[in-house]
Amino acid sequence: MSRSKTLQILSYIIKNHPNVSVTSLMKLSYLIDLVAIDKGKNKIFDFQYIRYNYGPFDKNIYKCLESLVDDNIIREGANISSTGDEFVTYNINKKNNISFDKISDDEKEIIDEVLESLEGYGTKALTELTYRTKPMKKLKATLNNKAGLNKPLNLNA
């Protein structure tokens, strides 16, 4: 899979799920890949997920988001959490025409299904949901432990 496809997919999610944080994007990417595999398809993203402090993670998402910001496809904003902490959110730059030609109709269908079913889920709810998935359970990972920390997640588990 090409990096340009991953950038398009992230842009597609941001367009359809505005004001999204990097943590939420990571959890959505993971859940989209799990649904794709569950439907007998290949992963949609080229992320290699590891069990990290707050669930599935791939540090390459930072490079992807930085590239999208640098190319003026998305823009960063700021938001305040319920605990008063500031965090970065992402939105589509509406001045640009964005192509989603690298995303197949089947992939869009899976992405749309996941986004629709998780509409209204915030970062905390998405994180909690990822800990209830089979790959995380296989590592015996919970929000309250370090089991399997930094271990790769087997999405076919």
N, C-alpha and C. Protein backbone atom coordinates (compact mmCIF):
# COMPACT_ATOMS: atom_id res chain seq x y z
N MET A 1 0.85 -1.18 0.00
CA MET A 1 0.00 0.00 0.00
C MET A 1 0.89 1.24 0.00
N SER A 2 0.46 2.22 -0.69
CA SER A 2 1.26 3.43 -0.80
C SER A 2 0.93 4.41 0.32
N ARG A 3 1.93 5.20 0.64
CA ARG A 3 1.72 6.23 1.66
C ARG A 3 0.66 7.23 1.19
N SER A 4 0.64 7.50 -0.12
CA SER A 4 -0.35 8.47 -0.63
C SER A 4 -1.77 7.97 -0.39
N LYS A 5 -1.97 6.66 -0.43
CA LYS A 5 -3.30 6.11 -0.16
C LYS A 5 -3.64 6.31 1.32
N THR A 6 -2.68 6.06 2.19
CA THR A 6 -2.90 6.28 3.63
C THR A 6 -3.26 7.74 3.89
N LEU A 7 -2.58 8.66 3.21
CA LEU A 7 -2.88 10.08 3.38
C LEU A 7 -4.31 10.40 2.91
N GLN A 8 -4.73 9.79 1.80
CA GLN A 8 -6.09 10.00 1.33
C GLN A 8 -7.11 9.46 2.33
N ILE A 9 -6.82 8.28 2.88
CA ILE A 9 -7.76 7.67 3.83
C ILE A 9 -7.88 8.54 5.09
N LEU A 10 -6.75 9.00 5.59
CA LEU A 10 -6.80 9.88 6.76
C LEU A 10 -7.59 11.15 6.44
N SER A 11 -7.37 11.72 5.26
CA SER A 11 -8.11 12.92 4.85
C SER A 11 -9.61 12.62 4.76
N TYR A 12 -9.94 11.46 4.25
CA TYR A 12 -11.34 11.06 4.12
C TYR A 12 -12.00 10.96 5.51
N ILE A 13 -11.29 10.38 6.45
CA ILE A 13 -11.82 10.27 7.82
C ILE A 13 -11.98 11.66 8.43
N ILE A 14 -10.97 12.50 8.28
CA ILE A 14 -11.02 13.85 8.85
C ILE A 14 -12.16 14.65 8.23
N LYS A 15 -12.38 14.49 6.93
CA LYS A 15 -13.48 15.19 6.26
C LYS A 15 -14.82 14.75 6.84
N ASN A 16 -14.94 13.47 7.15
CA ASN A 16 -16.21 12.92 7.61
C ASN A 16 -16.34 12.84 9.13
N HIS A 17 -15.28 13.20 9.83
CA HIS A 17 -15.27 13.16 11.30
C HIS A 17 -14.48 14.39 11.77
N PRO A 18 -15.06 15.60 11.62
CA PRO A 18 -14.32 16.84 11.91
C PRO A 18 -13.91 16.97 13.38
N ASN A 19 -12.92 17.83 13.59
CA ASN A 19 -12.38 18.10 14.94
C ASN A 19 -11.88 16.83 15.62
N VAL A 20 -11.21 15.99 14.87
CA VAL A 20 -10.73 14.72 15.39
C VAL A 20 -9.28 14.88 15.89
N SER A 21 -8.97 14.22 16.98
CA SER A 21 -7.61 14.26 17.54
C SER A 21 -6.78 13.12 16.97
N VAL A 22 -5.47 13.20 17.15
CA VAL A 22 -4.60 12.13 16.67
C VAL A 22 -4.93 10.81 17.37
N THR A 23 -5.28 10.87 18.64
CA THR A 23 -5.63 9.65 19.38
C THR A 23 -6.88 9.02 18.79
N SER A 24 -7.90 9.82 18.53
CA SER A 24 -9.12 9.29 17.92
C SER A 24 -8.85 8.76 16.52
N LEU A 25 -8.03 9.46 15.74
CA LEU A 25 -7.69 8.98 14.39
C LEU A 25 -7.00 7.62 14.45
N MET A 26 -6.12 7.46 15.41
CA MET A 26 -5.41 6.20 15.54
C MET A 26 -6.37 5.07 15.89
N LYS A 27 -7.27 5.35 16.82
CA LYS A 27 -8.24 4.31 17.24
C LYS A 27 -9.20 3.98 16.10
N LEU A 28 -9.65 5.00 15.37
CA LEU A 28 -10.54 4.77 14.23
C LEU A 28 -9.83 3.95 13.15
N SER A 29 -8.57 4.27 12.88
CA SER A 29 -7.79 3.52 11.88
C SER A 29 -7.72 2.05 12.26
N TYR A 30 -7.40 1.79 13.51
CA TYR A 30 -7.30 0.42 14.03
C TYR A 30 -8.64 -0.30 13.90
N LEU A 31 -9.71 0.35 14.32
CA LEU A 31 -11.03 -0.28 14.26
C LEU A 31 -11.48 -0.52 12.81
N ILE A 32 -11.16 0.40 11.92
CA ILE A 32 -11.48 0.23 10.50
C ILE A 32 -10.74 -0.99 9.96
N ASP A 33 -9.46 -1.13 10.30
CA ASP A 33 -8.70 -2.29 9.84
C ASP A 33 -9.27 -3.59 10.41
N LEU A 34 -9.68 -3.57 11.67
CA LEU A 34 -10.29 -4.77 12.26
C LEU A 34 -11.57 -5.16 11.54
N VAL A 35 -12.40 -4.19 11.22
CA VAL A 35 -13.65 -4.47 10.51
C VAL A 35 -13.34 -5.01 9.11
N ALA A 36 -12.37 -4.42 8.43
CA ALA A 36 -12.00 -4.89 7.10
C ALA A 36 -11.57 -6.36 7.15
N ILE A 37 -10.72 -6.70 8.11
CA ILE A 37 -10.26 -8.08 8.25
C ILE A 37 -11.42 -9.00 8.61
N ASP A 38 -12.29 -8.54 9.49
CA ASP A 38 -13.46 -9.34 9.88
C ASP A 38 -14.37 -9.64 8.67
N LYS A 39 -14.36 -8.74 7.69
CA LYS A 39 -15.17 -8.93 6.49
C LYS A 39 -14.41 -9.72 5.41
N GLY A 40 -13.23 -10.25 5.78
CA GLY A 40 -12.45 -11.04 4.83
C GLY A 40 -11.66 -10.22 3.84
N LYS A 41 -11.48 -8.94 4.13
CA LYS A 41 -10.71 -8.04 3.26
C LYS A 41 -9.32 -7.83 3.86
N ASN A 42 -8.48 -7.14 3.11
CA ASN A 42 -7.17 -6.75 3.61
C ASN A 42 -7.30 -5.51 4.48
N LYS A 43 -6.29 -5.29 5.33
CA LYS A 43 -6.24 -4.03 6.08
C LYS A 43 -6.33 -2.88 5.09
N ILE A 44 -6.90 -1.79 5.53
CA ILE A 44 -7.04 -0.61 4.68
C ILE A 44 -5.84 0.32 4.85
N PHE A 45 -5.33 0.41 6.05
CA PHE A 45 -4.16 1.25 6.36
C PHE A 45 -2.88 0.43 6.29
N ASP A 46 -1.76 1.14 6.14
CA ASP A 46 -0.48 0.45 6.20
C ASP A 46 0.19 0.62 7.57
N PHE A 47 -0.60 0.97 8.57
CA PHE A 47 -0.07 1.10 9.93
C PHE A 47 0.25 -0.28 10.51
N GLN A 48 1.30 -0.34 11.29
CA GLN A 48 1.68 -1.54 12.03
C GLN A 48 1.42 -1.22 13.51
N TYR A 49 0.31 -1.67 14.01
CA TYR A 49 -0.14 -1.29 15.35
C TYR A 49 0.63 -2.02 16.44
N ILE A 50 1.00 -1.26 17.46
CA ILE A 50 1.58 -1.85 18.66
C ILE A 50 0.67 -1.48 19.83
N ARG A 51 0.79 -2.26 20.90
CA ARG A 51 0.05 -1.91 22.12
C ARG A 51 0.85 -0.80 22.80
N TYR A 52 0.24 0.35 22.93
CA TYR A 52 0.88 1.50 23.53
C TYR A 52 0.11 1.89 24.78
N ASN A 53 0.53 2.95 25.44
CA ASN A 53 -0.09 3.36 26.71
C ASN A 53 -1.61 3.49 26.62
N TYR A 54 -2.11 4.04 25.52
CA TYR A 54 -3.55 4.26 25.40
C TYR A 54 -4.15 3.42 24.28
N GLY A 55 -3.60 2.24 24.08
CA GLY A 55 -4.16 1.33 23.09
C GLY A 55 -3.33 1.24 21.84
N PRO A 56 -3.93 0.77 20.74
CA PRO A 56 -3.21 0.56 19.48
C PRO A 56 -2.60 1.87 18.97
N PHE A 57 -1.37 1.78 18.44
CA PHE A 57 -0.66 2.99 18.02
C PHE A 57 0.39 2.65 16.98
N ASP A 58 0.62 3.58 16.07
CA ASP A 58 1.73 3.55 15.12
C ASP A 58 2.23 4.98 15.00
N LYS A 59 3.49 5.20 15.37
CA LYS A 59 4.03 6.57 15.37
C LYS A 59 4.04 7.20 13.98
N ASN A 60 3.90 6.41 12.92
CA ASN A 60 3.88 6.95 11.57
C ASN A 60 2.68 7.86 11.31
N ILE A 61 1.67 7.77 12.15
CA ILE A 61 0.52 8.67 11.97
C ILE A 61 0.95 10.13 12.10
N TYR A 62 1.96 10.41 12.93
CA TYR A 62 2.43 11.78 13.09
C TYR A 62 3.03 12.31 11.79
N LYS A 63 3.80 11.48 11.10
CA LYS A 63 4.40 11.89 9.82
C LYS A 63 3.31 12.12 8.78
N CYS A 64 2.31 11.25 8.78
CA CYS A 64 1.21 11.40 7.83
C CYS A 64 0.46 12.71 8.06
N LEU A 65 0.13 12.99 9.30
CA LEU A 65 -0.61 14.22 9.62
C LEU A 65 0.23 15.46 9.32
N GLU A 66 1.51 15.39 9.62
CA GLU A 66 2.41 16.51 9.33
C GLU A 66 2.45 16.77 7.82
N SER A 67 2.51 15.72 7.04
CA SER A 67 2.52 15.85 5.59
C SER A 67 1.22 16.49 5.07
N LEU A 68 0.08 16.05 5.62
CA LEU A 68 -1.21 16.61 5.22
C LEU A 68 -1.33 18.09 5.59
N VAL A 69 -0.80 18.47 6.75
CA VAL A 69 -0.80 19.88 7.16
C VAL A 69 0.13 20.68 6.25
N ASP A 70 1.34 20.14 6.01
CA ASP A 70 2.31 20.84 5.15
C ASP A 70 1.78 21.04 3.73
N ASP A 71 1.00 20.07 3.24
CA ASP A 71 0.43 20.16 1.90
C ASP A 71 -0.88 20.95 1.88
N ASN A 72 -1.26 21.50 3.03
CA ASN A 72 -2.45 22.34 3.16
C ASN A 72 -3.76 21.59 2.86
N ILE A 73 -3.74 20.27 3.08
CA ILE A 73 -4.94 19.46 2.87
C ILE A 73 -5.81 19.48 4.13
N ILE A 74 -5.14 19.44 5.27
CA ILE A 74 -5.85 19.56 6.54
C ILE A 74 -5.23 20.71 7.33
N ARG A 75 -5.95 21.14 8.34
CA ARG A 75 -5.41 22.19 9.20
C ARG A 75 -5.56 21.77 10.66
N GLU A 76 -4.63 22.26 11.45
CA GLU A 76 -4.67 21.96 12.88
C GLU A 76 -5.50 23.02 13.60
N GLY A 77 -6.14 22.57 14.65
CA GLY A 77 -6.87 23.47 15.52
C GLY A 77 -6.57 23.07 16.95
N ALA A 78 -7.17 23.76 17.87
CA ALA A 78 -6.98 23.43 19.28
C ALA A 78 -8.34 23.24 19.92
N ASN A 79 -8.36 22.36 20.89
CA ASN A 79 -9.58 22.10 21.62
C ASN A 79 -9.20 21.89 23.08
N ILE A 80 -10.17 21.96 23.96
CA ILE A 80 -9.93 21.78 25.39
C ILE A 80 -10.71 20.54 25.84
N SER A 81 -10.02 19.65 26.54
CA SER A 81 -10.67 18.44 27.04
C SER A 81 -11.51 18.75 28.28
N SER A 82 -12.26 17.77 28.71
CA SER A 82 -13.10 17.95 29.90
C SER A 82 -12.26 18.16 31.16
N THR A 83 -10.98 17.75 31.09
CA THR A 83 -10.09 17.95 32.24
C THR A 83 -9.34 19.28 32.15
N GLY A 84 -9.61 20.05 31.08
CA GLY A 84 -8.97 21.35 30.93
C GLY A 84 -7.68 21.32 30.15
N ASP A 85 -7.30 20.15 29.63
CA ASP A 85 -6.07 20.04 28.85
C ASP A 85 -6.33 20.44 27.40
N GLU A 86 -5.36 21.12 26.81
CA GLU A 86 -5.48 21.50 25.40
C GLU A 86 -4.94 20.36 24.54
N PHE A 87 -5.61 20.10 23.41
CA PHE A 87 -5.12 19.09 22.48
C PHE A 87 -5.39 19.54 21.05
N VAL A 88 -4.62 18.97 20.12
CA VAL A 88 -4.71 19.34 18.71
C VAL A 88 -5.83 18.55 18.04
N THR A 89 -6.60 19.24 17.22
CA THR A 89 -7.62 18.58 16.40
C THR A 89 -7.31 18.87 14.94
N TYR A 90 -7.92 18.07 14.07
CA TYR A 90 -7.69 18.22 12.64
C TYR A 90 -9.01 18.38 11.90
N ASN A 91 -8.97 19.23 10.88
CA ASN A 91 -10.10 19.47 10.00
C ASN A 91 -9.60 19.59 8.57
N ILE A 92 -10.48 19.34 7.63
CA ILE A 92 -10.16 19.48 6.22
C ILE A 92 -10.05 20.96 5.89
N ASN A 93 -9.09 21.30 5.05
CA ASN A 93 -9.00 22.65 4.53
C ASN A 93 -9.97 22.72 3.34
N LYS A 94 -11.07 23.37 3.53
CA LYS A 94 -12.16 23.36 2.53
C LYS A 94 -11.79 24.09 1.25
N LYS A 95 -10.68 24.80 1.24
CA LYS A 95 -10.26 25.53 0.04
C LYS A 95 -9.69 24.59 -1.02
N ASN A 96 -9.35 23.37 -0.62
CA ASN A 96 -8.72 22.44 -1.55
C ASN A 96 -9.70 21.38 -2.03
N ASN A 97 -9.56 21.01 -3.28
CA ASN A 97 -10.29 19.86 -3.81
C ASN A 97 -9.45 18.63 -3.52
N ILE A 98 -9.98 17.73 -2.74
CA ILE A 98 -9.24 16.55 -2.33
C ILE A 98 -9.74 15.35 -3.13
N SER A 99 -8.81 14.63 -3.67
CA SER A 99 -9.15 13.42 -4.41
C SER A 99 -9.10 12.22 -3.48
N PHE A 100 -10.06 11.35 -3.63
CA PHE A 100 -10.08 10.10 -2.87
C PHE A 100 -10.03 8.91 -3.83
N ASP A 101 -9.34 9.11 -4.97
CA ASP A 101 -9.33 8.11 -6.03
C ASP A 101 -8.56 6.83 -5.69
N LYS A 102 -7.74 6.86 -4.68
CA LYS A 102 -6.98 5.66 -4.29
C LYS A 102 -7.77 4.76 -3.33
N ILE A 103 -8.90 5.24 -2.87
CA ILE A 103 -9.74 4.47 -1.94
C ILE A 103 -10.85 3.80 -2.75
N SER A 104 -10.90 2.48 -2.66
CA SER A 104 -11.92 1.74 -3.41
C SER A 104 -13.30 1.96 -2.79
N ASP A 105 -14.33 1.66 -3.56
CA ASP A 105 -15.70 1.78 -3.05
C ASP A 105 -15.91 0.85 -1.86
N ASP A 106 -15.35 -0.37 -1.92
CA ASP A 106 -15.45 -1.31 -0.79
C ASP A 106 -14.82 -0.72 0.47
N GLU A 107 -13.66 -0.08 0.30
CA GLU A 107 -12.97 0.52 1.45
C GLU A 107 -13.78 1.69 2.00
N LYS A 108 -14.32 2.52 1.12
CA LYS A 108 -15.15 3.65 1.58
C LYS A 108 -16.36 3.13 2.35
N GLU A 109 -16.93 2.05 1.87
CA GLU A 109 -18.10 1.47 2.54
C GLU A 109 -17.74 1.04 3.97
N ILE A 110 -16.59 0.40 4.13
CA ILE A 110 -16.15 -0.04 5.47
C ILE A 110 -15.87 1.17 6.35
N ILE A 111 -15.15 2.14 5.81
CA ILE A 111 -14.83 3.36 6.59
C ILE A 111 -16.11 4.06 7.02
N ASP A 112 -17.03 4.24 6.07
CA ASP A 112 -18.30 4.92 6.38
C ASP A 112 -19.09 4.16 7.44
N GLU A 113 -19.10 2.84 7.33
CA GLU A 113 -19.81 2.00 8.30
C GLU A 113 -19.25 2.20 9.70
N VAL A 114 -17.93 2.18 9.81
CA VAL A 114 -17.30 2.36 11.13
C VAL A 114 -17.56 3.76 11.66
N LEU A 115 -17.37 4.77 10.82
CA LEU A 115 -17.60 6.15 11.27
C LEU A 115 -19.05 6.37 11.71
N GLU A 116 -19.97 5.80 10.96
CA GLU A 116 -21.39 5.96 11.31
C GLU A 116 -21.70 5.24 12.62
N SER A 117 -21.18 4.03 12.79
CA SER A 117 -21.50 3.27 14.00
C SER A 117 -20.85 3.87 15.24
N LEU A 118 -19.78 4.63 15.06
CA LEU A 118 -19.08 5.22 16.20
C LEU A 118 -19.30 6.73 16.30
N GLU A 119 -20.27 7.23 15.58
CA GLU A 119 -20.57 8.66 15.61
C GLU A 119 -20.87 9.07 17.05
N GLY A 120 -20.24 10.15 17.47
CA GLY A 120 -20.46 10.63 18.83
C GLY A 120 -19.48 10.06 19.85
N TYR A 121 -18.70 9.06 19.45
CA TYR A 121 -17.71 8.51 20.37
C TYR A 121 -16.54 9.47 20.46
N GLY A 122 -16.18 9.82 21.68
CA GLY A 122 -15.01 10.65 21.89
C GLY A 122 -13.77 9.79 22.07
N THR A 123 -12.67 10.44 22.33
CA THR A 123 -11.39 9.73 22.48
C THR A 123 -11.44 8.68 23.57
N LYS A 124 -12.01 9.02 24.71
CA LYS A 124 -12.06 8.08 25.83
C LYS A 124 -12.87 6.83 25.46
N ALA A 125 -14.03 7.02 24.85
CA ALA A 125 -14.88 5.88 24.47
C ALA A 125 -14.20 5.03 23.40
N LEU A 126 -13.52 5.66 22.44
CA LEU A 126 -12.81 4.90 21.41
C LEU A 126 -11.67 4.09 22.01
N THR A 127 -10.96 4.71 22.95
CA THR A 127 -9.86 4.00 23.61
C THR A 127 -10.39 2.80 24.38
N GLU A 128 -11.46 3.00 25.13
CA GLU A 128 -12.06 1.89 25.88
C GLU A 128 -12.52 0.78 24.93
N LEU A 129 -13.09 1.15 23.80
CA LEU A 129 -13.54 0.17 22.82
C LEU A 129 -12.37 -0.65 22.27
N THR A 130 -11.25 0.00 21.98
CA THR A 130 -10.10 -0.73 21.43
C THR A 130 -9.57 -1.76 22.42
N TYR A 131 -9.69 -1.48 23.70
CA TYR A 131 -9.22 -2.44 24.72
C TYR A 131 -10.12 -3.66 24.80
N ARG A 132 -11.31 -3.60 24.22
CA ARG A 132 -12.22 -4.75 24.23
C ARG A 132 -12.09 -5.61 22.97
N THR A 133 -11.15 -5.27 22.09
CA THR A 133 -10.97 -6.04 20.86
C THR A 133 -10.09 -7.27 21.10
N LYS A 134 -10.23 -8.26 20.24
CA LYS A 134 -9.49 -9.51 20.40
C LYS A 134 -7.97 -9.33 20.42
N PRO A 135 -7.39 -8.53 19.52
CA PRO A 135 -5.93 -8.37 19.56
C PRO A 135 -5.42 -7.82 20.90
N MET A 136 -6.17 -6.90 21.48
CA MET A 136 -5.76 -6.34 22.77
C MET A 136 -5.98 -7.35 23.89
N LYS A 137 -7.10 -8.08 23.84
CA LYS A 137 -7.38 -9.09 24.85
C LYS A 137 -6.34 -10.21 24.81
N LYS A 138 -5.88 -10.53 23.61
CA LYS A 138 -4.88 -11.60 23.47
C LYS A 138 -3.60 -11.25 24.22
N LEU A 139 -3.27 -9.96 24.28
CA LEU A 139 -2.10 -9.50 25.05
C LEU A 139 -2.42 -9.31 26.53
N LYS A 140 -3.70 -9.54 26.89
CA LYS A 140 -4.18 -9.31 28.26
C LYS A 140 -4.02 -7.83 28.66
N ALA A 141 -4.14 -6.97 27.65
CA ALA A 141 -3.98 -5.53 27.87
C ALA A 141 -5.28 -4.93 28.38
N THR A 142 -5.14 -4.08 29.38
CA THR A 142 -6.26 -3.29 29.88
C THR A 142 -5.77 -1.86 30.07
N LEU A 143 -6.69 -0.95 30.26
CA LEU A 143 -6.31 0.44 30.51
C LEU A 143 -5.47 0.58 31.77
N ASN A 144 -5.61 -0.38 32.68
CA ASN A 144 -4.96 -0.27 33.99
C ASN A 144 -3.68 -1.09 34.11
N ASN A 145 -3.22 -1.70 33.02
CA ASN A 145 -1.98 -2.47 33.13
C ASN A 145 -1.04 -2.17 31.97
N LYS A 146 0.12 -2.76 32.03
CA LYS A 146 1.14 -2.56 30.99
C LYS A 146 1.37 -3.86 30.21
N ALA A 147 0.45 -4.82 30.34
CA ALA A 147 0.61 -6.11 29.67
C ALA A 147 0.75 -5.93 28.17
N GLY A 148 1.80 -6.50 27.60
CA GLY A 148 2.02 -6.44 26.16
C GLY A 148 2.44 -5.10 25.65
N LEU A 149 2.86 -4.19 26.54
CA LEU A 149 3.25 -2.84 26.12
C LEU A 149 4.34 -2.92 25.05
N ASN A 150 4.16 -2.15 24.00
CA ASN A 150 5.08 -2.06 22.84
C ASN A 150 5.16 -3.34 22.01
N LYS A 151 4.24 -4.27 22.22
CA LYS A 151 4.19 -5.51 21.42
C LYS A 151 3.30 -5.28 20.20
N PRO A 152 3.65 -5.88 19.07
CA PRO A 152 2.79 -5.75 17.89
C PRO A 152 1.44 -6.42 18.12
N LEU A 153 0.42 -5.84 17.54
CA LEU A 153 -0.93 -6.41 17.66
C LEU A 153 -1.22 -7.26 16.41
N ASN A 154 -1.71 -8.47 16.65
CA ASN A 154 -2.08 -9.37 15.58
C ASN A 154 -3.56 -9.14 15.26
N LEU A 155 -3.83 -8.44 14.18
CA LEU A 155 -5.21 -8.11 13.84
C LEU A 155 -6.01 -9.33 13.39
N ASN A 156 -5.34 -10.42 13.11
CA ASN A 156 -6.03 -11.64 12.72
C ASN A 156 -6.34 -12.53 13.92
N ALA A 157 -6.07 -12.04 15.13
CA ALA A 157 -6.29 -12.84 16.34
C ALA A 157 -7.75 -13.16 16.54
